[in-house]
Amino acid sequence: MIKKTLYFGNPAYLSLRNAQLVIKLPEVENNDSLPEAMKRQSEVTKPIEDLGVVVLDNKQITITSGAMEALLENNCALITCDSKSMPVGLMLPLYGNTTQNERFREQLAASLPLKKQLWQQTIQAKINNQAAVLGFCTNEEPKCMRIWANDVRSGDPDNLEARAAAYYWKTLFAELNGFTRDRDGIPPNNLLNYGYAILRAVVARGLVTSGLLPTLGIHHHNRYNAYCLADDIMEPYRPYVDKLVFELYKQYGNDVSLTKDIKFALLSIPTLEVRINKKRSPLMIAVGQTTASLYKCFSGELRRIVYPEI
């Protein structure tokens, strides 16, 4: 079952009652000018087991310890945002699988050659998906990217990922003078940042559910990054975010900002339709298949990670 994403951008009080997330809106409850019937509707409940991602984007949101405990026990990713409405924090459960200790050991014991091969597969999948996005958005097949994807060697020692990325961003937003992919750069970098943060949370949640350490990457190894493995595994999924952002950029123009409508569109990322194992599936479900296959690679059951194809 696909899990739901809840976004809170207004003051709210979140608590737990009978395995339900109870949502109270004080702005409605305390407004004397509203009729009593509308005030009674200010309280809404959602089954905890149905939730996969919860985004808190207001400084006047209160959430009880019991609600947080229930969300985490059900493998829900809890995201908090800063004053600019950008995701700044991620809370995940400490355990998400019954054989977690065994899986940690197998992940820690993974050999360097295996991790290099897994990174090769990851970058090949990423470049091929980027090529597909370019083909969709520009109506031209980027043959050079297909060649680079085929030429990626174990561990990507030639850094073809960077070469492909430079060509990809220059071509995708060719109409934007001077556009580069930069976290602090001009729009639509702001949309990309937001979308990637949502995607990162979905992937980190999937890794924990599969009993893996999201901190221990197969390639990324920044000592200050708590989600190196999530950053690795999300790479082939990034083009799905890019395609969505490109469509929003075309619809809203060059100076697109993170409005309520834009956020609503980006929060649909977990439910985007992807193609994996020759079947169509919501992105969040596909991520679960990817992370499960990654564990099987660590345990020796598989030799390839299962990634989606655009």
Protein backbone atom coordinates (compact mmCIF):
# COMPACT_ATOMS: atom_id res chain seq x y z
CA MET A 1 0.00 0.00 0.00
CA ILE A 2 1.31 3.45 -0.92
CA LYS A 3 1.87 5.60 2.15
CA LYS A 4 0.51 9.14 2.29
CA THR A 5 2.45 12.40 2.62
CA LEU A 6 1.07 15.04 4.99
CA TYR A 7 2.19 18.68 4.80
CA PHE A 8 1.53 21.24 7.56
CA GLY A 9 2.15 24.87 6.58
CA ASN A 10 -0.11 26.53 9.18
CA PRO A 11 -0.18 26.43 12.99
CA ALA A 12 -1.35 23.01 14.16
CA TYR A 13 -1.50 20.79 17.23
CA LEU A 14 -0.68 17.14 16.47
CA SER A 15 -1.38 14.43 19.02
CA LEU A 16 -2.21 10.72 19.24
CA ARG A 17 -5.51 9.02 19.97
CA ASN A 18 -6.40 5.37 19.29
CA ALA A 19 -3.57 4.89 16.78
CA GLN A 20 -4.77 7.98 14.92
CA LEU A 21 -2.91 11.22 14.31
CA VAL A 22 -5.21 13.91 15.67
CA ILE A 23 -4.85 17.24 13.86
CA LYS A 24 -6.22 20.39 15.47
CA LEU A 25 -6.07 23.79 13.76
CA PRO A 26 -6.02 26.54 16.44
CA GLU A 27 -6.57 29.29 13.85
CA VAL A 28 -9.99 27.78 13.13
CA GLU A 29 -10.78 26.55 16.64
CA ASN A 30 -10.13 29.95 18.27
CA ASN A 31 -11.81 32.11 15.61
CA ASP A 32 -15.02 33.41 17.21
CA SER A 33 -16.31 34.75 13.89
CA LEU A 34 -16.70 31.24 12.47
CA PRO A 35 -19.84 29.13 13.02
CA GLU A 36 -19.66 26.28 15.53
CA ALA A 37 -20.18 23.66 12.81
CA MET A 38 -17.00 24.82 11.07
CA LYS A 39 -15.09 24.92 14.34
CA ARG A 40 -15.96 21.29 15.01
CA GLN A 41 -14.43 20.42 11.65
CA SER A 42 -11.11 21.91 12.77
CA GLU A 43 -10.19 18.50 14.24
CA VAL A 44 -9.21 15.82 11.74
CA THR A 45 -7.81 12.33 12.32
CA LYS A 46 -5.54 10.23 10.08
CA PRO A 47 -4.54 6.57 10.64
CA ILE A 48 -0.87 6.49 11.66
CA GLU A 49 -0.28 3.31 9.65
CA ASP A 50 -1.24 5.12 6.42
CA LEU A 51 1.47 7.79 6.73
CA GLY A 52 4.89 7.60 5.10
CA VAL A 53 6.13 11.20 5.20
CA VAL A 54 5.07 14.13 7.41
CA VAL A 55 6.37 17.64 6.66
CA LEU A 56 6.28 20.31 9.41
CA ASP A 57 6.62 23.79 7.89
CA ASN A 58 5.52 26.28 10.53
CA LYS A 59 7.13 27.44 13.75
CA GLN A 60 3.76 27.27 15.56
CA ILE A 61 3.28 23.53 15.09
CA THR A 62 3.15 21.48 18.29
CA ILE A 63 3.54 17.70 18.14
CA THR A 64 3.34 15.44 21.16
CA SER A 65 5.94 12.85 22.07
CA GLY A 66 3.30 10.14 21.71
CA ALA A 67 2.51 11.20 18.14
CA MET A 68 6.21 11.23 17.20
CA GLU A 69 6.71 7.81 18.78
CA ALA A 70 3.78 6.32 16.87
CA LEU A 71 4.92 7.86 13.56
CA LEU A 72 8.46 6.53 13.94
CA GLU A 73 7.28 3.08 15.06
CA ASN A 74 5.38 2.90 11.77
CA ASN A 75 8.49 3.85 9.74
CA CYS A 76 7.26 7.35 8.93
CA ALA A 77 9.84 9.99 7.95
CA LEU A 78 9.33 13.24 9.88
CA ILE A 79 10.69 16.35 8.10
CA THR A 80 11.06 19.81 9.67
CA CYS A 81 11.57 23.01 7.68
CA ASP A 82 13.45 26.25 8.35
CA SER A 83 12.20 29.85 8.14
CA LYS A 84 12.59 29.73 4.33
CA SER A 85 10.33 26.64 4.16
CA MET A 86 13.26 24.46 3.10
CA PRO A 87 13.57 20.99 4.71
CA VAL A 88 16.28 21.22 7.35
CA GLY A 89 15.80 18.15 9.57
CA LEU A 90 14.85 14.50 9.16
CA MET A 91 13.78 12.08 11.89
CA LEU A 92 13.74 8.33 11.21
CA PRO A 93 13.18 5.24 13.40
CA LEU A 94 16.25 3.66 15.00
CA TYR A 95 15.12 0.24 13.84
CA GLY A 96 12.97 -0.80 10.91
CA ASN A 97 13.66 -4.48 10.41
CA THR A 98 13.52 -7.57 12.62
CA THR A 99 16.97 -8.81 11.52
CA GLN A 100 18.61 -5.41 11.66
CA ASN A 101 21.77 -6.46 13.55
CA GLU A 102 22.52 -9.18 11.00
CA ARG A 103 21.91 -6.77 8.12
CA PHE A 104 24.17 -4.13 9.66
CA ARG A 105 26.97 -6.69 9.86
CA GLU A 106 26.59 -7.71 6.22
CA GLN A 107 26.53 -4.07 5.14
CA LEU A 108 29.67 -3.30 7.17
CA ALA A 109 31.41 -6.36 5.73
CA ALA A 110 30.78 -5.37 2.10
CA SER A 111 34.04 -5.46 0.14
CA LEU A 112 35.45 -2.47 -1.73
CA PRO A 113 35.14 -4.20 -5.14
CA LEU A 114 31.44 -4.87 -4.44
CA LYS A 115 30.80 -1.26 -3.46
CA LYS A 116 32.59 -0.04 -6.60
CA GLN A 117 30.44 -2.33 -8.75
CA LEU A 118 27.29 -1.10 -7.03
CA TRP A 119 28.36 2.50 -7.63
CA GLN A 120 29.00 1.70 -11.30
CA GLN A 121 25.44 0.34 -11.60
CA THR A 122 24.07 3.39 -9.80
CA ILE A 123 25.78 5.90 -12.09
CA GLN A 124 24.84 3.97 -15.22
CA ALA A 125 21.19 4.02 -14.12
CA LYS A 126 21.40 7.73 -13.25
CA ILE A 127 22.93 8.80 -16.59
CA ASN A 128 20.46 6.69 -18.57
CA ASN A 129 17.54 8.24 -16.68
CA GLN A 130 19.00 11.72 -17.22
CA ALA A 131 19.26 10.96 -20.94
CA ALA A 132 15.61 9.89 -20.98
CA VAL A 133 14.57 13.13 -19.26
CA LEU A 134 16.50 15.18 -21.82
CA GLY A 135 14.84 13.26 -24.61
CA PHE A 136 11.43 14.00 -23.13
CA CYS A 137 12.08 17.68 -22.38
CA THR A 138 14.05 18.66 -25.50
CA ASN A 139 12.67 16.16 -28.04
CA GLU A 140 16.24 15.19 -28.94
CA GLU A 141 17.99 11.95 -28.05
CA PRO A 142 21.31 12.74 -26.27
CA LYS A 143 23.39 9.95 -27.79
CA CYS A 144 26.54 11.12 -25.99
CA MET A 145 24.95 10.41 -22.61
CA ARG A 146 24.02 6.88 -23.64
CA ILE A 147 27.64 6.35 -24.63
CA TRP A 148 28.90 7.74 -21.32
CA ALA A 149 26.50 5.46 -19.41
CA ASN A 150 27.89 2.42 -21.24
CA ASP A 151 31.47 3.55 -20.58
CA VAL A 152 31.12 3.84 -16.79
CA ARG A 153 33.63 1.50 -15.17
CA SER A 154 33.69 0.00 -11.69
CA GLY A 155 33.79 2.87 -9.18
CA ASP A 156 33.47 5.43 -12.02
CA PRO A 157 37.21 6.35 -11.95
CA ASP A 158 36.74 8.56 -15.03
CA ASN A 159 34.09 10.61 -13.22
CA LEU A 160 31.64 10.25 -16.10
CA GLU A 161 28.90 11.19 -13.64
CA ALA A 162 30.27 14.75 -13.51
CA ARG A 163 30.74 14.97 -17.29
CA ALA A 164 27.19 13.81 -17.88
CA ALA A 165 25.85 16.20 -15.22
CA ALA A 166 27.55 19.22 -16.81
CA TYR A 167 26.03 18.42 -20.20
CA TYR A 168 22.68 17.51 -18.69
CA TRP A 169 22.08 20.75 -16.78
CA LYS A 170 23.39 22.93 -19.59
CA THR A 171 20.99 21.26 -22.03
CA LEU A 172 17.94 20.85 -19.79
CA PHE A 173 17.73 24.55 -18.92
CA ALA A 174 19.39 25.92 -22.05
CA GLU A 175 16.84 28.76 -22.17
CA LEU A 176 18.03 30.07 -18.80
CA ASN A 177 21.10 32.21 -19.34
CA GLY A 178 23.89 31.21 -16.97
CA PHE A 179 21.98 28.42 -15.22
CA THR A 180 24.10 25.99 -13.23
CA ARG A 181 23.02 23.41 -10.70
CA ASP A 182 23.86 25.18 -7.45
CA ARG A 183 22.04 24.88 -4.14
CA ASP A 184 22.10 28.68 -3.76
CA GLY A 185 21.69 29.40 -7.46
CA ILE A 186 18.89 30.99 -9.45
CA PRO A 187 15.47 29.32 -9.87
CA PRO A 188 14.53 26.58 -10.42
CA ASN A 189 17.38 25.50 -8.09
CA ASN A 190 15.02 26.26 -5.20
CA LEU A 191 12.52 23.73 -6.53
CA LEU A 192 15.24 21.14 -7.11
CA ASN A 193 16.48 21.60 -3.53
CA TYR A 194 13.01 21.06 -2.12
CA GLY A 195 12.26 18.09 -4.34
CA TYR A 196 15.57 16.39 -3.57
CA ALA A 197 14.98 16.85 0.17
CA ILE A 198 11.64 15.03 -0.11
CA LEU A 199 13.24 12.31 -2.24
CA ARG A 200 16.11 11.94 0.23
CA ALA A 201 13.66 11.39 3.08
CA VAL A 202 11.79 8.73 1.09
CA VAL A 203 15.04 6.89 0.26
CA ALA A 204 16.37 7.14 3.84
CA ARG A 205 13.06 5.73 5.10
CA GLY A 206 13.34 2.86 2.62
CA LEU A 207 16.87 2.04 3.75
CA VAL A 208 15.85 1.92 7.41
CA THR A 209 12.86 -0.26 6.55
CA SER A 210 15.24 -2.64 4.75
CA GLY A 211 17.42 -2.83 7.87
CA LEU A 212 20.35 -0.82 6.47
CA LEU A 213 22.44 2.00 7.90
CA PRO A 214 21.66 5.16 5.88
CA THR A 215 24.91 6.69 7.18
CA LEU A 216 27.31 4.17 5.61
CA GLY A 217 27.50 4.92 1.88
CA ILE A 218 28.85 2.89 -1.01
CA HIS A 219 30.44 6.04 -2.48
CA HIS A 220 29.56 9.18 -0.51
CA HIS A 221 31.58 9.32 2.70
CA ASN A 222 31.39 12.86 4.09
CA ARG A 223 32.11 12.53 7.81
CA TYR A 224 29.43 15.13 8.59
CA ASN A 225 26.69 13.53 6.48
CA ALA A 226 24.30 11.24 8.35
CA TYR A 227 22.68 10.00 5.13
CA CYS A 228 25.52 9.06 2.80
CA LEU A 229 23.86 5.84 1.63
CA ALA A 230 20.60 7.68 0.96
CA ASP A 231 22.52 10.17 -1.18
CA ASP A 232 24.03 7.25 -3.10
CA ILE A 233 20.82 5.33 -3.74
CA MET A 234 18.71 8.37 -4.63
CA GLU A 235 20.93 9.25 -7.62
CA PRO A 236 18.95 7.32 -10.29
CA TYR A 237 15.73 8.74 -8.83
CA ARG A 238 16.81 12.38 -9.12
CA PRO A 239 15.81 12.63 -12.81
CA TYR A 240 12.18 12.02 -11.80
CA VAL A 241 12.38 15.16 -9.67
CA ASP A 242 14.17 17.01 -12.49
CA LYS A 243 11.39 16.17 -14.94
CA LEU A 244 8.72 17.39 -12.53
CA VAL A 245 10.66 20.61 -11.84
CA PHE A 246 11.14 21.21 -15.58
CA GLU A 247 7.38 20.92 -16.11
CA LEU A 248 6.73 23.38 -13.25
CA TYR A 249 9.34 25.78 -14.66
CA LYS A 250 7.63 25.67 -18.05
CA GLN A 251 4.27 26.30 -16.43
CA TYR A 252 5.22 29.07 -13.98
CA GLY A 253 8.16 30.79 -15.70
CA ASN A 254 11.78 31.66 -14.94
CA ASP A 255 11.28 33.18 -11.48
CA VAL A 256 9.23 30.32 -10.09
CA SER A 257 9.13 30.38 -6.28
CA LEU A 258 8.08 27.91 -3.60
CA THR A 259 4.42 28.83 -3.44
CA LYS A 260 1.76 26.64 -1.87
CA ASP A 261 0.84 25.19 -5.27
CA ILE A 262 4.47 24.43 -6.11
CA LYS A 263 5.02 22.69 -2.77
CA PHE A 264 1.86 20.68 -3.31
CA ALA A 265 3.20 19.51 -6.67
CA LEU A 266 6.61 18.61 -5.22
CA LEU A 267 5.03 16.72 -2.32
CA SER A 268 3.59 14.34 -4.92
CA ILE A 269 7.10 12.93 -5.49
CA PRO A 270 6.50 9.79 -3.36
CA THR A 271 3.52 8.91 -5.55
CA LEU A 272 5.09 9.61 -8.95
CA GLU A 273 4.68 6.68 -11.31
CA VAL A 274 7.97 4.94 -12.16
CA ARG A 275 8.85 1.83 -14.14
CA ILE A 276 10.82 -0.79 -12.24
CA ASN A 277 11.25 -4.50 -13.01
CA LYS A 278 9.21 -3.86 -16.18
CA LYS A 279 6.20 -2.86 -14.06
CA ARG A 280 4.72 0.50 -13.13
CA SER A 281 4.81 1.46 -9.48
CA PRO A 282 4.59 4.53 -7.20
CA LEU A 283 8.06 5.93 -6.49
CA MET A 284 7.91 5.15 -2.77
CA ILE A 285 7.14 1.49 -3.47
CA ALA A 286 9.92 1.35 -6.08
CA VAL A 287 12.39 2.76 -3.54
CA GLY A 288 11.48 -0.12 -1.24
CA GLN A 289 12.32 -2.58 -4.02
CA THR A 290 15.63 -0.82 -4.62
CA THR A 291 16.67 -0.84 -0.96
CA ALA A 292 15.60 -4.47 -0.55
CA SER A 293 17.73 -5.43 -3.57
CA LEU A 294 20.66 -3.49 -2.12
CA TYR A 295 20.53 -5.59 1.03
CA LYS A 296 20.48 -8.74 -1.12
CA CYS A 297 23.62 -7.48 -2.85
CA PHE A 298 25.30 -7.09 0.55
CA SER A 299 24.18 -10.59 1.58
CA GLY A 300 25.35 -12.16 -1.69
CA GLU A 301 21.88 -13.09 -2.99
CA LEU A 302 22.05 -10.61 -5.88
CA ARG A 303 24.75 -8.92 -7.94
CA ARG A 304 22.72 -5.97 -9.20
CA ILE A 305 20.65 -3.24 -7.54
CA VAL A 306 17.13 -2.92 -8.91
CA TYR A 307 16.67 0.65 -10.18
CA PRO A 308 13.80 2.27 -12.10
CA GLU A 309 14.05 3.17 -15.79
CA ILE A 310 12.48 6.24 -17.34
